[in-house]
Protein backbone atom coordinates (compact mmCIF):
# COMPACT_ATOMS: atom_id res chain seq x y z
CA MET A 1 0.03 0.01 0.03
CA THR A 2 1.40 3.37 -1.02
CA CYS A 3 0.62 6.60 0.98
CA ILE A 4 0.67 9.68 -0.95
CA LEU A 5 0.71 13.26 0.27
CA GLY A 6 -0.59 15.73 -2.13
CA ILE A 7 0.21 19.54 -1.74
CA ASP A 8 -1.51 22.57 -3.32
CA PRO A 9 1.15 25.23 -2.43
CA GLY A 10 0.11 28.65 -1.62
CA SER A 11 1.99 31.55 0.40
CA ARG A 12 -1.35 32.32 2.42
CA MET A 13 -2.80 28.90 2.50
CA THR A 14 -1.41 25.48 1.50
CA GLY A 15 -3.80 22.59 0.94
CA PHE A 16 -2.79 19.16 1.75
CA GLY A 17 -4.50 15.76 1.13
CA ILE A 18 -3.51 12.20 1.95
CA ILE A 19 -4.56 9.04 0.29
CA LYS A 20 -3.49 5.47 0.31
CA THR A 21 -3.55 3.31 -2.81
CA GLN A 22 -3.96 -0.43 -2.81
CA ARG A 23 -4.06 -2.21 -6.23
CA GLN A 24 -6.32 0.23 -8.11
CA GLN A 25 -8.26 1.69 -5.36
CA SER A 26 -7.65 4.99 -3.64
CA ILE A 27 -8.64 5.46 -0.06
CA TYR A 28 -8.98 8.98 1.76
CA ILE A 29 -6.95 9.33 4.80
CA ALA A 30 -6.92 13.13 5.61
CA SER A 31 -6.97 16.60 4.18
CA GLY A 32 -6.98 20.26 5.24
CA CYS A 33 -5.13 23.54 4.93
CA ILE A 34 -2.19 24.96 6.53
CA ARG A 35 -3.21 28.56 7.15
CA MET A 36 -0.28 31.05 7.51
CA GLN A 37 -0.61 33.39 10.53
CA SER A 38 2.42 35.59 9.70
CA ASN A 39 2.30 38.69 7.41
CA ASP A 40 5.86 38.48 6.26
CA LEU A 41 6.94 36.00 3.64
CA PRO A 42 10.03 34.43 5.35
CA ASN A 43 7.84 33.55 8.37
CA ARG A 44 5.07 32.00 6.20
CA LEU A 45 7.60 29.96 4.47
CA GLN A 46 8.74 28.67 7.84
CA GLU A 47 5.12 27.93 8.59
CA ILE A 48 4.73 25.95 5.37
CA PHE A 49 7.85 23.90 6.22
CA THR A 50 6.96 23.22 9.73
CA GLY A 51 3.24 22.23 8.71
CA VAL A 52 4.27 19.91 6.03
CA THR A 53 6.84 18.37 8.21
CA GLU A 54 4.39 17.73 10.93
CA ILE A 55 1.90 16.25 8.50
CA ILE A 56 4.55 13.91 7.21
CA GLN A 57 5.61 12.81 10.66
CA GLN A 58 1.94 12.21 11.57
CA TYR A 59 0.75 10.25 8.57
CA GLN A 60 4.04 8.66 7.33
CA PRO A 61 3.64 9.08 3.45
CA THR A 62 6.23 7.75 1.21
CA VAL A 63 5.65 10.09 -1.75
CA LEU A 64 4.97 13.79 -1.98
CA ALA A 65 3.09 14.92 -5.14
CA ILE A 66 2.92 18.72 -5.65
CA GLU A 67 1.61 21.05 -8.26
CA GLN A 68 4.12 22.93 -10.49
CA VAL A 69 4.41 26.63 -10.65
CA PHE A 70 2.18 28.18 -13.31
CA MET A 71 1.97 31.80 -14.61
CA TYR A 72 -1.30 33.39 -14.66
CA ARG A 73 -1.31 37.15 -14.44
CA ASN A 74 0.96 38.37 -11.73
CA ALA A 75 4.70 37.44 -11.74
CA ASN A 76 5.10 38.36 -8.21
CA SER A 77 2.42 35.73 -7.27
CA ALA A 78 4.18 33.19 -9.17
CA LEU A 79 7.51 33.86 -7.50
CA LYS A 80 5.76 33.59 -4.07
CA LEU A 81 4.09 30.33 -5.14
CA GLY A 82 7.54 29.06 -6.22
CA GLN A 83 8.75 29.78 -2.86
CA ALA A 84 6.00 28.19 -1.14
CA ARG A 85 6.60 25.03 -3.23
CA GLY A 86 10.10 25.10 -2.20
CA ALA A 87 9.39 25.11 1.51
CA ALA A 88 7.13 22.25 0.93
CA ILE A 89 9.51 20.27 -1.20
CA VAL A 90 12.45 20.76 1.24
CA ALA A 91 10.23 19.48 4.03
CA GLY A 92 9.57 16.38 1.93
CA THR A 93 13.17 15.77 1.03
CA GLN A 94 14.26 16.31 4.68
CA GLN A 95 11.83 13.45 5.63
CA SER A 96 13.20 11.22 2.76
CA LEU A 97 10.07 11.31 0.53
CA THR A 98 10.21 10.93 -3.17
CA ILE A 99 9.00 14.02 -4.98
CA TYR A 100 6.69 14.17 -7.99
CA GLU A 101 5.51 17.32 -9.80
CA TYR A 102 2.33 17.81 -11.79
CA ALA A 103 1.09 20.59 -13.96
CA ALA A 104 -2.46 21.96 -12.90
CA ASN A 105 -4.07 21.05 -16.29
CA GLN A 106 -2.70 17.46 -15.90
CA VAL A 107 -4.11 17.11 -12.47
CA LYS A 108 -7.56 18.41 -13.63
CA GLN A 109 -7.46 16.19 -16.59
CA ALA A 110 -6.53 13.09 -14.28
CA VAL A 111 -9.59 13.94 -11.99
CA VAL A 112 -12.19 15.75 -13.95
CA GLY A 113 -11.36 14.63 -17.51
CA GLN A 114 -10.79 18.27 -18.67
CA GLY A 115 -7.62 20.21 -18.23
CA HIS A 116 -9.41 23.46 -17.75
CA ALA A 117 -11.82 22.50 -15.11
CA GLU A 118 -13.33 24.75 -12.54
CA LYS A 119 -12.49 24.42 -8.80
CA SER A 120 -16.10 23.32 -8.08
CA GLN A 121 -15.82 20.52 -10.75
CA VAL A 122 -12.61 19.34 -8.91
CA GLN A 123 -14.30 19.34 -5.61
CA HIS A 124 -17.32 17.52 -6.84
CA MET A 125 -15.11 14.72 -8.47
CA ILE A 126 -12.96 14.41 -5.37
CA LYS A 127 -16.15 13.88 -3.32
CA ILE A 128 -17.31 11.11 -5.75
CA LEU A 129 -13.74 9.37 -6.35
CA LEU A 130 -13.05 9.26 -2.78
CA CYS A 131 -16.62 8.59 -1.47
CA LEU A 132 -16.67 11.49 0.92
CA PRO A 133 -19.76 12.66 2.42
CA ASP A 134 -19.18 16.43 1.40
CA ALA A 135 -16.95 18.15 -1.02
CA PRO A 136 -13.55 19.30 0.69
CA PRO A 137 -12.81 23.02 0.77
CA PRO A 138 -11.02 24.12 -2.55
CA ASP A 139 -7.37 24.05 -1.54
CA ALA A 140 -7.77 20.61 0.18
CA ALA A 141 -9.69 19.24 -2.77
CA ASP A 142 -6.76 20.48 -5.09
CA ALA A 143 -4.27 18.65 -2.88
CA LEU A 144 -6.34 15.48 -2.97
CA ALA A 145 -6.53 15.80 -6.69
CA ILE A 146 -2.75 16.10 -6.97
CA ALA A 147 -2.31 12.84 -4.95
CA LEU A 148 -4.90 11.08 -7.09
CA CYS A 149 -3.16 12.26 -10.16
CA HIS A 150 0.01 10.80 -9.02
CA ALA A 151 -1.77 7.53 -8.08
CA HIS A 152 -3.28 7.32 -11.60
CA THR A 153 0.00 8.31 -13.36
CA TYR A 154 2.14 5.77 -11.27
CA GLN A 155 -0.51 2.91 -11.68
CA THR A 156 -0.31 3.60 -15.57
CA GLN A 157 3.31 3.73 -15.76
CA THR A 158 3.63 0.47 -13.77
CA THR A 159 1.04 -1.23 -15.94
CA LEU A 160 2.97 -0.20 -19.10
CA THR A 161 6.30 -1.23 -17.64
CA GLN A 162 4.92 -4.71 -16.72
CA ARG A 163 3.54 -5.10 -20.36
CA THR A 164 6.77 -4.32 -22.01
CA LYS A 165 8.90 -6.65 -20.08
CA PRO A 166 10.20 -9.53 -22.28
CA LEU A 167 8.76 -12.92 -21.56
């Protein structure tokens, strides 16, 4: 059984989602958000690092899947997002996790079937795919979607590798 930690990085709020996969089934473990208390960026980055480290220590995942930086409108926001990703990645590497990165449209494609899906569509599909009673908050849903994207990608790669082995 593989335990996957998905991270939706943000400099004000970082979503996390944890699933376990067994064969071709994904099981919900936990999700939530790390909400930054500080106003200055260096302290927020420390909060991300500390929060992700605590989550790793509590749930013991073996893999960290994280969303790649994307450029939308504001270059300054993209830089802060990159720094938030860096804090989460360092927390993962400090705990000896293998790190995988996925583009936002790749995550949406894996979960919703459309690379430009709305947040509400991602939330709805996470609720269905993980058999949750309610849709999780947007940042937690995005983190769970990242974890599911990794699970699906890894399963597909494993299947293809097994099919191409010589007899």
